[in-house]
Amino acid sequence: MVFKILAEYGTMLLVAMGQTLLLALWSLFFACLIGLFVGILSVLKNRICNAIATIFVDIIRGVPMIVLAFFVFFGVPMLMNDTLHWSELFGSKFMFTALQAGIICLSLNCGAYMAEIIRAGIESVDKGQMEAARSLGLPYWKAMSKVVLPQAIRTMIPSIINQFIITLKDTSILSVIGFPELVNTAKNVNANVMRALEVWFIVGVMYLIIITLLSRLAKRLERGLNRGRE
């Protein structure tokens, strides 16, 4: 029965896996930008910046992903349409596609964790590196981008890949807003064939293959970085 399902719905499931990877990649890209901004705010010697970073991380990490997904997909458009009267200003109602809402939701969630990864990476670099760069006349931001961050990235890469794996698995939550990722597509396939055991076995194997490959990549990079420090 597994082979019969693969023969009939294999292409559909592969396309859904591609959509899942695309969503995870876009989310990781924007999460890195968010994480970089918030992570730098958290290491600045400024209490207001530190407080902003802490509040963002605590709020996003404290809200379940499914709640965040519903808020972005349903709540934000409702706020824009009812409060700001979007349709009167622009002639049509404000709304997100499932892909847009999914990217925003995952980017915010992943960005909060990326901020902590980046903060830890920056703090792992010897403080003397920043002091030496500043003593040579480099402005703070140039010293951060040219001296500190390149060294911090070496320690962050394995954690970033691990966070990508977590984000990839979190895409399954977005089936609640109708995004055609792998889990949502598997639900539709199961509704047609009524073979839950075989369908979810196939989906589990697909996730297992991708995540195993990414995990091995993270371990290889970590070993390479450790050898580079010796």
Protein backbone atom coordinates (compact mmCIF):
# COMPACT_ATOMS: atom_id res chain seq x y z
CA MET A 1 0.00 0.00 0.00
CA VAL A 2 2.92 2.36 0.71
CA PHE A 3 4.20 1.98 -2.86
CA LYS A 4 0.71 2.50 -4.24
CA ILE A 5 0.37 5.76 -2.28
CA LEU A 6 3.82 6.86 -3.45
CA ALA A 7 2.96 6.06 -7.06
CA GLU A 8 -0.25 8.07 -6.92
CA TYR A 9 0.62 10.88 -4.50
CA GLY A 10 4.43 10.86 -4.37
CA THR A 11 4.78 13.91 -6.61
CA MET A 12 2.27 15.84 -4.51
CA LEU A 13 4.15 14.99 -1.32
CA LEU A 14 7.50 15.94 -2.86
CA VAL A 15 6.09 19.30 -3.97
CA ALA A 16 4.78 19.81 -0.42
CA MET A 17 8.23 18.95 0.95
CA GLY A 18 9.68 21.57 -1.39
CA GLN A 19 7.16 24.12 -0.10
CA THR A 20 8.14 23.20 3.45
CA LEU A 21 11.84 23.70 2.73
CA LEU A 22 11.15 26.97 0.90
CA LEU A 23 9.14 28.27 3.85
CA ALA A 24 11.85 27.22 6.30
CA LEU A 25 14.64 28.81 4.21
CA TRP A 26 12.84 32.13 3.79
CA SER A 27 11.97 32.15 7.48
CA LEU A 28 15.58 31.41 8.47
CA PHE A 29 16.80 34.24 6.23
CA PHE A 30 14.52 36.82 7.84
CA ALA A 31 15.11 35.28 11.28
CA CYS A 32 18.85 35.84 10.85
CA LEU A 33 18.21 39.53 10.11
CA ILE A 34 15.88 39.85 13.10
CA GLY A 35 18.24 37.86 15.30
CA LEU A 36 21.25 39.94 14.25
CA PHE A 37 19.45 43.20 15.04
CA VAL A 38 18.04 42.02 18.38
CA GLY A 39 21.24 40.16 19.30
CA ILE A 40 23.34 43.30 18.83
CA LEU A 41 20.80 45.33 20.83
CA SER A 42 21.23 42.85 23.69
CA VAL A 43 25.03 43.33 23.87
CA LEU A 44 25.08 47.11 23.59
CA LYS A 45 25.97 49.03 26.75
CA ASN A 46 22.57 50.68 26.78
CA ARG A 47 19.79 49.68 29.14
CA ILE A 48 16.99 50.74 26.80
CA CYS A 49 18.39 48.63 23.94
CA ASN A 50 18.91 45.70 26.31
CA ALA A 51 15.33 46.04 27.59
CA ILE A 52 13.89 46.11 24.04
CA ALA A 53 15.83 42.96 23.13
CA THR A 54 14.80 41.18 26.34
CA ILE A 55 11.11 42.08 25.94
CA PHE A 56 11.05 40.91 22.31
CA VAL A 57 12.73 37.59 23.10
CA ASP A 58 10.59 36.93 26.18
CA ILE A 59 7.29 37.73 24.42
CA ILE A 60 7.98 35.71 21.26
CA ARG A 61 9.44 32.73 23.11
CA GLY A 62 6.60 32.83 25.61
CA VAL A 63 3.79 32.66 23.03
CA PRO A 64 2.99 29.23 21.52
CA MET A 65 3.63 29.04 17.78
CA ILE A 66 0.04 28.11 16.98
CA VAL A 67 -1.22 31.21 18.83
CA LEU A 68 1.29 33.38 16.95
CA ALA A 69 0.18 31.84 13.64
CA PHE A 70 -3.50 32.59 14.33
CA PHE A 71 -2.66 36.11 15.48
CA VAL A 72 -0.64 36.92 12.35
CA PHE A 73 -3.04 35.27 9.89
CA PHE A 74 -6.36 36.35 11.43
CA GLY A 75 -5.64 39.00 14.07
CA VAL A 76 -3.37 41.41 12.19
CA PRO A 77 -5.68 41.70 9.11
CA MET A 78 -8.65 42.23 11.45
CA LEU A 79 -6.74 44.97 13.24
CA MET A 80 -5.76 46.64 9.97
CA ASN A 81 -9.26 46.47 8.51
CA ASP A 82 -11.32 47.36 11.60
CA THR A 83 -9.05 49.87 13.28
CA LEU A 84 -7.20 51.52 10.41
CA HIS A 85 -10.07 51.17 7.91
CA TRP A 86 -7.70 49.72 5.31
CA SER A 87 -10.40 49.07 2.70
CA GLU A 88 -11.52 52.72 2.79
CA LEU A 89 -7.95 53.91 2.28
CA PHE A 90 -6.83 51.43 -0.38
CA GLY A 91 -10.06 50.04 -1.83
CA SER A 92 -9.56 46.43 -0.72
CA LYS A 93 -9.28 44.53 2.54
CA PHE A 94 -5.88 43.87 4.04
CA MET A 95 -4.99 40.19 4.25
CA PHE A 96 -2.00 37.85 4.27
CA THR A 97 -1.59 34.78 2.12
CA ALA A 98 -0.82 31.60 4.04
CA LEU A 99 2.79 31.80 2.80
CA GLN A 100 3.23 35.40 3.94
CA ALA A 101 1.70 34.72 7.35
CA GLY A 102 3.79 31.56 7.68
CA ILE A 103 7.05 33.39 6.91
CA ILE A 104 6.21 36.19 9.36
CA CYS A 105 5.24 33.76 12.10
CA LEU A 106 8.27 31.49 11.70
CA SER A 107 10.66 34.44 11.24
CA LEU A 108 9.53 36.03 14.49
CA ASN A 109 9.67 32.76 16.39
CA CYS A 110 13.01 31.68 14.97
CA GLY A 111 14.34 35.25 15.21
CA ALA A 112 13.90 35.26 18.98
CA TYR A 113 16.04 32.12 19.28
CA MET A 114 18.52 33.40 16.70
CA ALA A 115 18.94 36.56 18.79
CA GLU A 116 20.10 34.43 21.72
CA ILE A 117 22.44 32.43 19.46
CA ILE A 118 23.97 35.62 18.06
CA ARG A 119 24.23 37.23 21.51
CA ALA A 120 26.05 34.15 22.83
CA GLY A 121 28.28 34.09 19.74
CA ILE A 122 29.27 37.73 20.17
CA GLU A 123 29.92 37.27 23.88
CA SER A 124 32.13 34.25 23.13
CA VAL A 125 34.61 36.51 21.32
CA ASP A 126 37.30 37.85 23.63
CA LYS A 127 36.47 41.42 24.69
CA GLY A 128 40.04 42.36 23.87
CA GLN A 129 39.20 41.99 20.17
CA MET A 130 36.71 44.86 20.33
CA GLU A 131 39.01 46.94 22.51
CA ALA A 132 41.94 46.41 20.12
CA ALA A 133 39.81 47.38 17.11
CA ARG A 134 38.56 50.51 18.86
CA SER A 135 42.09 51.46 19.90
CA LEU A 136 43.05 51.38 16.21
CA GLY A 137 40.40 54.02 15.53
CA LEU A 138 37.61 51.84 14.15
CA PRO A 139 34.05 53.01 14.99
CA TYR A 140 31.99 50.62 17.12
CA TRP A 141 29.80 49.34 14.28
CA LYS A 142 32.74 48.81 11.93
CA ALA A 143 34.65 46.98 14.66
CA MET A 144 31.57 44.84 15.29
CA SER A 145 31.04 43.98 11.60
CA LYS A 146 34.69 43.59 10.58
CA VAL A 147 36.30 42.10 13.69
CA VAL A 148 33.82 40.61 16.17
CA LEU A 149 31.04 39.17 13.99
CA PRO A 150 33.34 37.22 11.60
CA GLN A 151 34.83 35.43 14.63
CA ALA A 152 31.43 34.94 16.27
CA ILE A 153 29.93 33.39 13.14
CA ARG A 154 32.37 30.48 13.38
CA THR A 155 30.86 29.43 16.70
CA MET A 156 27.28 30.17 15.62
CA ILE A 157 27.07 28.07 12.42
CA PRO A 158 26.26 24.68 14.09
CA SER A 159 23.60 26.34 16.27
CA ILE A 160 22.11 28.11 13.26
CA ILE A 161 21.80 24.79 11.40
CA ASN A 162 20.18 23.22 14.47
CA GLN A 163 17.74 26.13 14.62
CA PHE A 164 16.95 25.58 10.93
CA ILE A 165 16.09 21.96 11.75
CA ILE A 166 13.75 23.13 14.52
CA THR A 167 12.16 25.67 12.17
CA LEU A 168 11.71 23.00 9.52
CA LYS A 169 9.80 20.84 12.00
CA ASP A 170 7.79 23.85 13.20
CA THR A 171 6.41 24.38 9.68
CA SER A 172 3.98 21.54 10.42
CA ILE A 173 2.12 23.86 12.81
CA LEU A 174 1.22 26.12 9.88
CA SER A 175 -1.18 23.50 8.56
CA VAL A 176 -3.71 25.22 10.87
CA ILE A 177 -3.77 28.28 8.56
CA GLY A 178 -3.99 26.21 5.41
CA PHE A 179 -0.44 26.50 4.09
CA PRO A 180 0.20 23.53 1.75
CA GLU A 181 3.24 22.21 3.60
CA LEU A 182 3.92 18.51 4.04
CA VAL A 183 1.64 17.80 7.01
CA ASN A 184 -1.33 19.66 5.49
CA THR A 185 -0.85 17.84 2.18
CA ALA A 186 -0.57 14.51 4.02
CA LYS A 187 -3.94 15.21 5.67
CA ASN A 188 -5.49 15.66 2.23
CA VAL A 189 -3.87 12.48 0.94
CA ASN A 190 -5.10 10.55 3.95
CA ALA A 191 -8.60 11.90 3.41
CA ASN A 192 -8.52 10.37 -0.08
CA VAL A 193 -6.95 6.99 0.69
CA MET A 194 -8.00 6.53 4.35
CA ARG A 195 -4.69 4.82 5.17
CA ALA A 196 -3.35 6.87 8.08
CA LEU A 197 -0.59 4.41 9.05
CA GLU A 198 1.00 4.33 5.60
CA VAL A 199 0.57 8.06 4.87
CA TRP A 200 2.12 9.24 8.13
CA PHE A 201 4.87 6.63 7.83
CA ILE A 202 5.83 8.13 4.46
CA VAL A 203 5.75 11.67 5.87
CA GLY A 204 7.82 10.61 8.88
CA VAL A 205 10.46 9.04 6.63
CA MET A 206 10.60 12.19 4.46
CA TYR A 207 11.17 14.39 7.50
CA LEU A 208 13.68 11.89 8.91
CA ILE A 209 15.79 11.92 5.73
CA ILE A 210 15.96 15.72 5.50
CA ILE A 211 16.60 16.26 9.21
CA THR A 212 19.22 13.48 9.39
CA LEU A 213 21.13 15.05 6.48
CA LEU A 214 21.00 18.49 8.12
CA SER A 215 22.08 17.04 11.49
CA ARG A 216 25.07 15.33 9.89
CA LEU A 217 25.98 18.61 8.16
CA ALA A 218 25.85 20.43 11.52
CA LYS A 219 28.09 17.81 13.17
CA ARG A 220 30.58 17.91 10.28
CA LEU A 221 30.77 21.70 10.42
CA GLU A 222 31.21 21.60 14.18
CA ARG A 223 34.08 19.10 13.88
CA GLY A 224 35.68 21.24 11.18
CA LEU A 225 35.39 24.38 13.30
CA ASN A 226 36.83 22.59 16.33
CA ARG A 227 39.82 21.40 14.27
CA GLY A 228 40.27 24.96 13.00
CA ARG A 229 40.62 26.25 16.56
CA GLU A 230 43.26 23.67 17.52
